[in-house]
Amino acid sequence: MDSMKFRTEIDIKPWSEPIDYSHNIVCLGSCFATNIAEELSRRKFRVVAFPTGILFNPASIAQSMRQMVAMQTPNAEELMDVEGRYVHYNFHSALGRDTREDTITTIGTALQRGKEALESADMVIVTLGTAWVYRLADGGAVVANCHKQPQRLFRRELLTVEECVAQLEEIVALAPRRVLFTVSPVRHVGEGLEDNSLSKAILRVAVDIVCRRNAVRVAYFPSYEILIDDLRDYRFYAEDLAHPSRQAVEYIVEKFCDAALSPKTKTTMAKVEGIVRAVNHRPNNPRSEAYRTFCKAQLRAIAEIEGVDLSEEKRAMEQMLQINL
């Protein structure tokens, strides 16, 4: 008798060229890219996340990469005052400052950080959130962020598959090495569930076309499918029923690591996670001899791991030993 199945688990083949701790990773795109970047950073991979801010659609991601590569800092006249902060339609509000000069400086620093990260990137992970875009009603340019301006200033539009393909091809051209696309599993409920489904379908078709055209260095990771088809339960969503829960994010990243990492890197990662947990552990008595022995054991474990930046953890253990003196 065949064993009974109660879920449809997605089979993800191991990558032929796995990533390891020597690789530089850049994460761009929607808010789900934050989850991926945080989980990889927590495991001490070399990650730079969205230098110019969160971006949801392919056109804005491509535009951001063009600006980073060419160091296209906007003119001060292009900024607008929104509730006492100067911001730009192509950049996240987090880069806004109280003066035009400070905003331009902050944006320039972000672009430089992004340029340097892209130049050294072994992999660019691009998380696509939506195919819906907002264009300026007067000029027609796609904006990356509406900055809560009146709806009448914009024209909402759904990118076609062909338009998405063109933007994704540019992203691939601007990336120096490998590119990994994934579609965010976050439901954009503000668009309406029907429009959200249509948007995700367009993104998925466009990504598939680009992956087939650039099979040597472009791949797809099924974040969207893992949450929708594998986990498939509201208990794996946050309270807003749109974003994945912490448990779901960890499961998706675990699937990513299973496919993307070599057995050797997985072994190293397990050791790194053990050290990070140990350093974050708060003892009942930090001055005890037992805890002093514990700190020394962690320092020995850190010394045995090569190619991983555990300097922060090393300092923490050394400081705890100083307390014990």
Protein backbone atom coordinates (compact mmCIF):
# COMPACT_ATOMS: atom_id res chain seq x y z
CA MET A 1 0.00 0.00 0.00
CA ASP A 2 1.36 3.42 -0.96
CA SER A 3 1.97 5.80 1.93
CA MET A 4 -0.61 8.56 2.33
CA LYS A 5 0.38 12.15 1.50
CA PHE A 6 -1.12 15.21 3.14
CA ARG A 7 0.83 17.93 1.31
CA THR A 8 2.41 18.54 -2.08
CA GLU A 9 6.09 19.17 -1.46
CA ILE A 10 8.05 20.84 -4.26
CA ASP A 11 11.11 18.99 -5.51
CA ILE A 12 13.93 21.47 -6.09
CA LYS A 13 17.01 20.09 -7.77
CA PRO A 14 20.45 20.95 -6.30
CA TRP A 15 22.25 23.65 -8.25
CA SER A 16 25.06 22.58 -10.54
CA GLU A 17 27.07 25.60 -9.36
CA PRO A 18 26.29 26.02 -5.66
CA ILE A 19 27.06 29.17 -3.71
CA ASP A 20 29.37 29.26 -0.71
CA TYR A 21 30.71 31.67 1.89
CA SER A 22 33.20 33.20 -0.55
CA HIS A 23 30.40 34.53 -2.78
CA ASN A 24 29.02 38.05 -2.68
CA ILE A 25 25.23 38.23 -2.89
CA VAL A 26 23.06 41.23 -3.71
CA CYS A 27 19.33 41.14 -2.93
CA LEU A 28 17.02 43.50 -4.82
CA GLY A 29 13.29 43.86 -5.08
CA SER A 30 10.20 43.62 -2.91
CA CYS A 31 9.82 43.37 0.85
CA PHE A 32 10.18 39.58 0.67
CA ALA A 33 13.78 40.25 -0.42
CA THR A 34 14.22 41.62 3.10
CA ASN A 35 13.32 38.21 4.51
CA ILE A 36 15.80 36.40 2.26
CA ALA A 37 18.58 38.90 2.96
CA GLU A 38 18.04 38.80 6.72
CA GLU A 39 18.07 35.00 6.84
CA LEU A 40 21.23 34.75 4.73
CA SER A 41 22.91 37.52 6.75
CA ARG A 42 21.99 35.76 9.99
CA ARG A 43 23.84 32.74 8.63
CA LYS A 44 26.81 35.05 7.92
CA PHE A 45 26.74 35.00 4.12
CA ARG A 46 28.06 38.12 2.39
CA VAL A 47 24.84 39.96 1.55
CA VAL A 48 24.04 43.51 0.46
CA ALA A 49 20.32 44.22 0.41
CA PHE A 50 18.48 46.77 -1.80
CA PRO A 51 20.86 49.78 -1.51
CA THR A 52 18.24 52.24 -2.85
CA GLY A 53 15.30 50.73 -1.01
CA ILE A 54 12.51 48.23 -1.50
CA LEU A 55 11.24 47.98 -5.09
CA PHE A 56 8.23 46.00 -6.26
CA ASN A 57 8.02 45.96 -10.05
CA PRO A 58 10.54 44.93 -12.76
CA ALA A 59 10.70 48.40 -14.32
CA SER A 60 11.72 50.08 -11.06
CA ILE A 61 14.28 47.38 -10.26
CA ALA A 62 15.88 47.78 -13.70
CA GLN A 63 15.82 51.57 -13.31
CA SER A 64 17.52 51.32 -9.92
CA MET A 65 20.26 49.07 -11.33
CA ARG A 66 20.85 51.48 -14.23
CA GLN A 67 21.24 54.35 -11.79
CA MET A 68 23.63 52.38 -9.59
CA VAL A 69 25.81 51.21 -12.46
CA ALA A 70 25.97 54.69 -14.07
CA MET A 71 25.94 56.60 -10.73
CA GLN A 72 23.00 58.70 -11.92
CA THR A 73 22.42 60.96 -8.94
CA PRO A 74 19.26 63.08 -9.42
CA ASN A 75 19.28 66.86 -9.49
CA ALA A 76 18.16 68.71 -6.39
CA GLU A 77 15.35 70.29 -8.44
CA GLU A 78 13.83 66.84 -8.99
CA LEU A 79 13.17 66.38 -5.27
CA MET A 80 9.84 67.21 -3.69
CA ASP A 81 8.96 68.27 -0.19
CA VAL A 82 6.64 65.76 1.48
CA GLU A 83 5.77 66.71 5.04
CA GLY A 84 9.13 68.38 5.61
CA ARG A 85 11.25 65.63 4.00
CA TYR A 86 12.77 65.84 0.54
CA VAL A 87 12.21 62.67 -1.47
CA HIS A 88 12.45 61.42 -5.06
CA TYR A 89 10.02 59.23 -7.00
CA ASN A 90 12.82 56.80 -7.99
CA PHE A 91 13.98 56.18 -4.42
CA HIS A 92 12.55 54.86 -1.19
CA SER A 93 11.33 57.36 1.39
CA ALA A 94 13.96 56.04 3.83
CA LEU A 95 16.54 58.00 1.78
CA GLY A 96 14.67 61.26 2.32
CA ARG A 97 16.23 63.97 4.48
CA ASP A 98 15.32 67.42 5.84
CA THR A 99 17.24 69.34 3.17
CA ARG A 100 17.74 68.89 -0.56
CA GLU A 101 21.50 68.72 -0.12
CA ASP A 102 21.34 65.99 2.52
CA THR A 103 18.92 63.94 0.42
CA ILE A 104 21.16 64.14 -2.65
CA THR A 105 24.16 63.12 -0.53
CA THR A 106 22.24 60.18 0.97
CA ILE A 107 21.05 59.01 -2.44
CA GLY A 108 24.58 59.34 -3.85
CA THR A 109 25.96 57.22 -1.01
CA ALA A 110 23.28 54.57 -1.61
CA LEU A 111 24.04 54.50 -5.35
CA GLN A 112 27.76 54.13 -4.68
CA ARG A 113 27.12 51.29 -2.26
CA GLY A 114 24.93 49.61 -4.84
CA LYS A 115 27.44 50.10 -7.65
CA GLU A 116 30.24 48.53 -5.60
CA ALA A 117 27.99 45.66 -4.52
CA LEU A 118 26.90 44.90 -8.08
CA GLU A 119 30.43 45.02 -9.43
CA SER A 120 31.55 42.35 -6.98
CA ALA A 121 28.33 40.31 -6.97
CA ASP A 122 28.62 36.61 -7.69
CA MET A 123 24.83 36.38 -7.55
CA VAL A 124 22.03 38.94 -7.75
CA ILE A 125 18.79 37.69 -6.21
CA VAL A 126 15.82 39.62 -7.59
CA THR A 127 12.46 39.27 -5.86
CA LEU A 128 9.55 40.46 -8.00
CA GLY A 129 6.45 41.66 -6.17
CA THR A 130 4.04 42.93 -8.81
CA ALA A 131 3.55 43.71 -12.49
CA TRP A 132 1.38 46.69 -11.59
CA VAL A 133 3.13 50.05 -11.91
CA TYR A 134 2.28 53.68 -11.31
CA ARG A 135 3.21 56.25 -13.94
CA LEU A 136 3.24 60.00 -13.50
CA ALA A 137 0.04 61.25 -15.05
CA ASP A 138 1.77 64.23 -16.68
CA GLY A 139 5.04 62.65 -17.87
CA GLY A 140 4.38 58.94 -18.09
CA ALA A 141 7.52 57.76 -16.25
CA VAL A 142 7.16 54.77 -13.91
CA VAL A 143 7.75 55.71 -10.28
CA ALA A 144 9.35 53.43 -7.73
CA ASN A 145 7.56 55.05 -4.81
CA CYS A 146 4.47 57.27 -4.77
CA HIS A 147 5.40 58.72 -1.36
CA LYS A 148 1.68 58.80 -0.44
CA GLN A 149 0.96 61.54 -2.96
CA PRO A 150 -2.60 62.06 -4.30
CA GLN A 151 -3.86 59.32 -6.63
CA ARG A 152 -4.70 61.89 -9.31
CA LEU A 153 -0.96 62.43 -9.92
CA PHE A 154 -0.50 58.86 -11.19
CA ARG A 155 -1.82 56.45 -13.76
CA ARG A 156 -2.04 52.80 -12.66
CA GLU A 157 -1.04 50.31 -15.33
CA LEU A 158 -0.38 46.59 -15.67
CA LEU A 159 2.85 45.72 -17.47
CA THR A 160 2.48 43.15 -20.24
CA VAL A 161 4.49 39.95 -20.36
CA GLU A 162 6.59 41.46 -23.15
CA GLU A 163 7.29 44.61 -21.14
CA CYS A 164 8.29 42.56 -18.10
CA VAL A 165 10.57 40.40 -20.24
CA ALA A 166 12.32 43.51 -21.58
CA GLN A 167 12.93 44.84 -18.05
CA LEU A 168 14.14 41.46 -16.78
CA GLU A 169 16.52 41.13 -19.73
CA GLU A 170 18.00 44.49 -18.78
CA ILE A 171 18.42 43.33 -15.19
CA VAL A 172 20.31 40.29 -16.47
CA ALA A 173 22.49 42.47 -18.69
CA LEU A 174 23.36 44.78 -15.78
CA ALA A 175 24.29 41.91 -13.45
CA PRO A 176 27.94 40.83 -13.84
CA ARG A 177 27.44 37.13 -13.14
CA ARG A 178 24.55 34.91 -12.07
CA VAL A 179 20.98 36.09 -11.50
CA LEU A 180 18.32 34.33 -9.47
CA PHE A 181 14.71 35.45 -9.95
CA THR A 182 11.96 34.65 -7.52
CA VAL A 183 8.35 35.83 -7.31
CA SER A 184 7.33 37.14 -3.92
CA PRO A 185 4.68 35.03 -2.16
CA VAL A 186 3.31 38.18 -0.51
CA ARG A 187 -0.28 38.84 -1.56
CA HIS A 188 -0.72 42.43 -2.73
CA VAL A 189 -4.23 42.65 -1.33
CA GLY A 190 -4.39 46.39 -1.99
CA GLU A 191 -4.53 45.54 -5.69
CA GLY A 192 -7.45 43.19 -5.14
CA LEU A 193 -6.95 39.43 -5.14
CA GLU A 194 -7.93 39.05 -8.80
CA ASP A 195 -5.47 41.72 -9.92
CA ASN A 196 -2.84 40.23 -7.62
CA SER A 197 -3.24 36.80 -9.23
CA LEU A 198 -3.07 38.29 -12.72
CA SER A 199 0.06 40.21 -11.76
CA LYS A 200 1.83 37.17 -10.32
CA ALA A 201 0.94 35.13 -13.42
CA ILE A 202 2.48 37.75 -15.71
CA LEU A 203 5.65 37.86 -13.63
CA ARG A 204 5.94 34.09 -13.59
CA VAL A 205 5.55 33.78 -17.38
CA ALA A 206 8.05 36.59 -18.00
CA VAL A 207 10.63 35.04 -15.66
CA ASP A 208 10.28 31.67 -17.35
CA ILE A 209 10.94 33.22 -20.78
CA VAL A 210 14.04 35.03 -19.53
CA CYS A 211 15.35 31.94 -17.72
CA ARG A 212 15.01 29.85 -20.88
CA ARG A 213 16.82 32.48 -22.95
CA ASN A 214 19.66 32.80 -20.44
CA ALA A 215 19.84 29.29 -19.00
CA VAL A 216 23.60 29.40 -18.40
CA ARG A 217 23.52 32.08 -15.72
CA VAL A 218 19.87 32.80 -14.89
CA ALA A 219 17.64 30.63 -12.72
CA TYR A 220 14.33 30.70 -10.88
CA PHE A 221 13.62 29.79 -7.26
CA PRO A 222 9.98 28.95 -6.42
CA SER A 223 9.34 31.05 -3.30
CA TYR A 224 5.81 31.80 -4.50
CA GLU A 225 5.01 28.16 -5.23
CA ILE A 226 6.43 26.93 -1.93
CA LEU A 227 4.04 29.10 0.08
CA ILE A 228 1.01 28.81 -2.21
CA ASP A 229 1.26 25.12 -3.20
CA ASP A 230 3.43 23.43 -0.57
CA LEU A 231 2.56 25.14 2.73
CA ARG A 232 -0.91 26.14 1.46
CA ASP A 233 -2.43 27.11 4.81
CA TYR A 234 -3.26 30.40 6.52
CA ARG A 235 -1.33 29.32 9.60
CA PHE A 236 1.79 30.06 7.53
CA TYR A 237 0.76 33.69 7.07
CA ALA A 238 1.21 36.67 9.36
CA GLU A 239 -1.76 38.37 11.00
CA ASP A 240 -2.45 40.46 7.89
CA LEU A 241 -3.02 37.20 5.93
CA ALA A 242 -0.85 38.64 3.14
CA HIS A 243 2.76 38.25 4.31
CA PRO A 244 4.33 34.89 5.14
CA SER A 245 4.85 34.08 8.80
CA ARG A 246 8.30 33.80 10.32
CA GLN A 247 8.01 30.02 10.22
CA ALA A 248 7.13 30.11 6.51
CA VAL A 249 10.09 32.39 5.71
CA GLU A 250 12.47 30.08 7.54
CA TYR A 251 11.04 27.08 5.65
CA ILE A 252 11.47 28.83 2.28
CA VAL A 253 15.05 29.83 3.11
CA GLU A 254 15.74 26.25 4.27
CA LYS A 255 14.55 25.03 0.86
CA PHE A 256 16.79 27.61 -0.79
CA CYS A 257 19.82 26.45 1.18
CA ASP A 258 19.08 22.80 0.39
CA ALA A 259 19.21 23.59 -3.34
CA ALA A 260 21.82 26.36 -3.44
CA LEU A 261 24.54 25.14 -1.06
CA SER A 262 27.09 22.39 -1.43
CA PRO A 263 27.25 19.70 1.32
CA LYS A 264 30.47 21.29 2.61
CA THR A 265 28.87 24.74 2.85
CA LYS A 266 25.83 23.28 4.62
CA THR A 267 28.14 21.73 7.21
CA THR A 268 29.89 25.06 7.72
CA MET A 269 26.55 26.86 7.95
CA ALA A 270 25.36 24.50 10.67
CA LYS A 271 28.48 25.30 12.70
CA VAL A 272 28.00 29.03 12.11
CA GLU A 273 24.37 28.88 13.23
CA GLY A 274 25.46 27.05 16.38
CA ILE A 275 27.99 29.76 17.19
CA VAL A 276 25.49 32.56 16.55
CA ARG A 277 22.96 30.90 18.84
CA ALA A 278 25.61 30.40 21.50
CA VAL A 279 26.68 34.05 21.38
CA ASN A 280 23.07 35.24 21.65
CA HIS A 281 22.51 32.99 24.66
CA ARG A 282 22.27 34.93 27.92
CA PRO A 283 23.63 32.95 30.90
CA ASN A 284 22.18 33.00 34.39
CA ASN A 285 25.61 33.80 35.81
CA PRO A 286 28.05 35.34 33.28
CA ARG A 287 30.80 35.32 35.92
CA SER A 288 30.68 31.59 36.57
CA GLU A 289 33.55 29.29 35.66
CA ALA A 290 31.15 27.17 33.63
CA TYR A 291 30.28 30.12 31.42
CA ARG A 292 33.95 31.03 31.10
CA THR A 293 34.59 27.51 29.79
CA PHE A 294 31.63 27.92 27.44
CA CYS A 295 33.08 31.19 26.01
CA LYS A 296 36.47 29.58 25.42
CA ALA A 297 34.82 26.69 23.58
CA GLN A 298 33.03 29.15 21.28
CA LEU A 299 36.27 30.99 20.54
CA ARG A 300 37.92 27.69 19.59
CA ALA A 301 34.97 26.89 17.32
CA ILE A 302 35.22 30.32 15.68
CA ALA A 303 38.95 29.85 15.07
CA GLU A 304 38.28 26.58 13.28
CA ILE A 305 35.98 28.17 10.68
CA GLU A 306 37.69 29.77 7.68
CA GLY A 307 36.23 32.23 5.20
CA VAL A 308 33.31 33.37 7.39
CA ASP A 309 33.22 36.76 9.11
CA LEU A 310 32.56 35.92 12.75
CA SER A 311 34.45 38.93 14.10
CA GLU A 312 31.35 40.24 15.86
CA GLU A 313 30.80 36.94 17.64
CA LYS A 314 34.49 36.71 18.53
CA ARG A 315 34.44 40.18 20.12
CA ALA A 316 31.32 39.29 22.09
CA MET A 317 32.91 36.16 23.55
CA GLU A 318 36.15 37.98 24.34
CA GLN A 319 34.20 40.71 26.13
CA MET A 320 32.36 38.13 28.19
CA LEU A 321 35.68 36.59 29.20
CA GLN A 322 36.84 40.04 30.34
CA ILE A 323 33.81 40.27 32.60
CA ASN A 324 34.88 36.98 34.17
CA LEU A 325 38.31 38.28 35.14
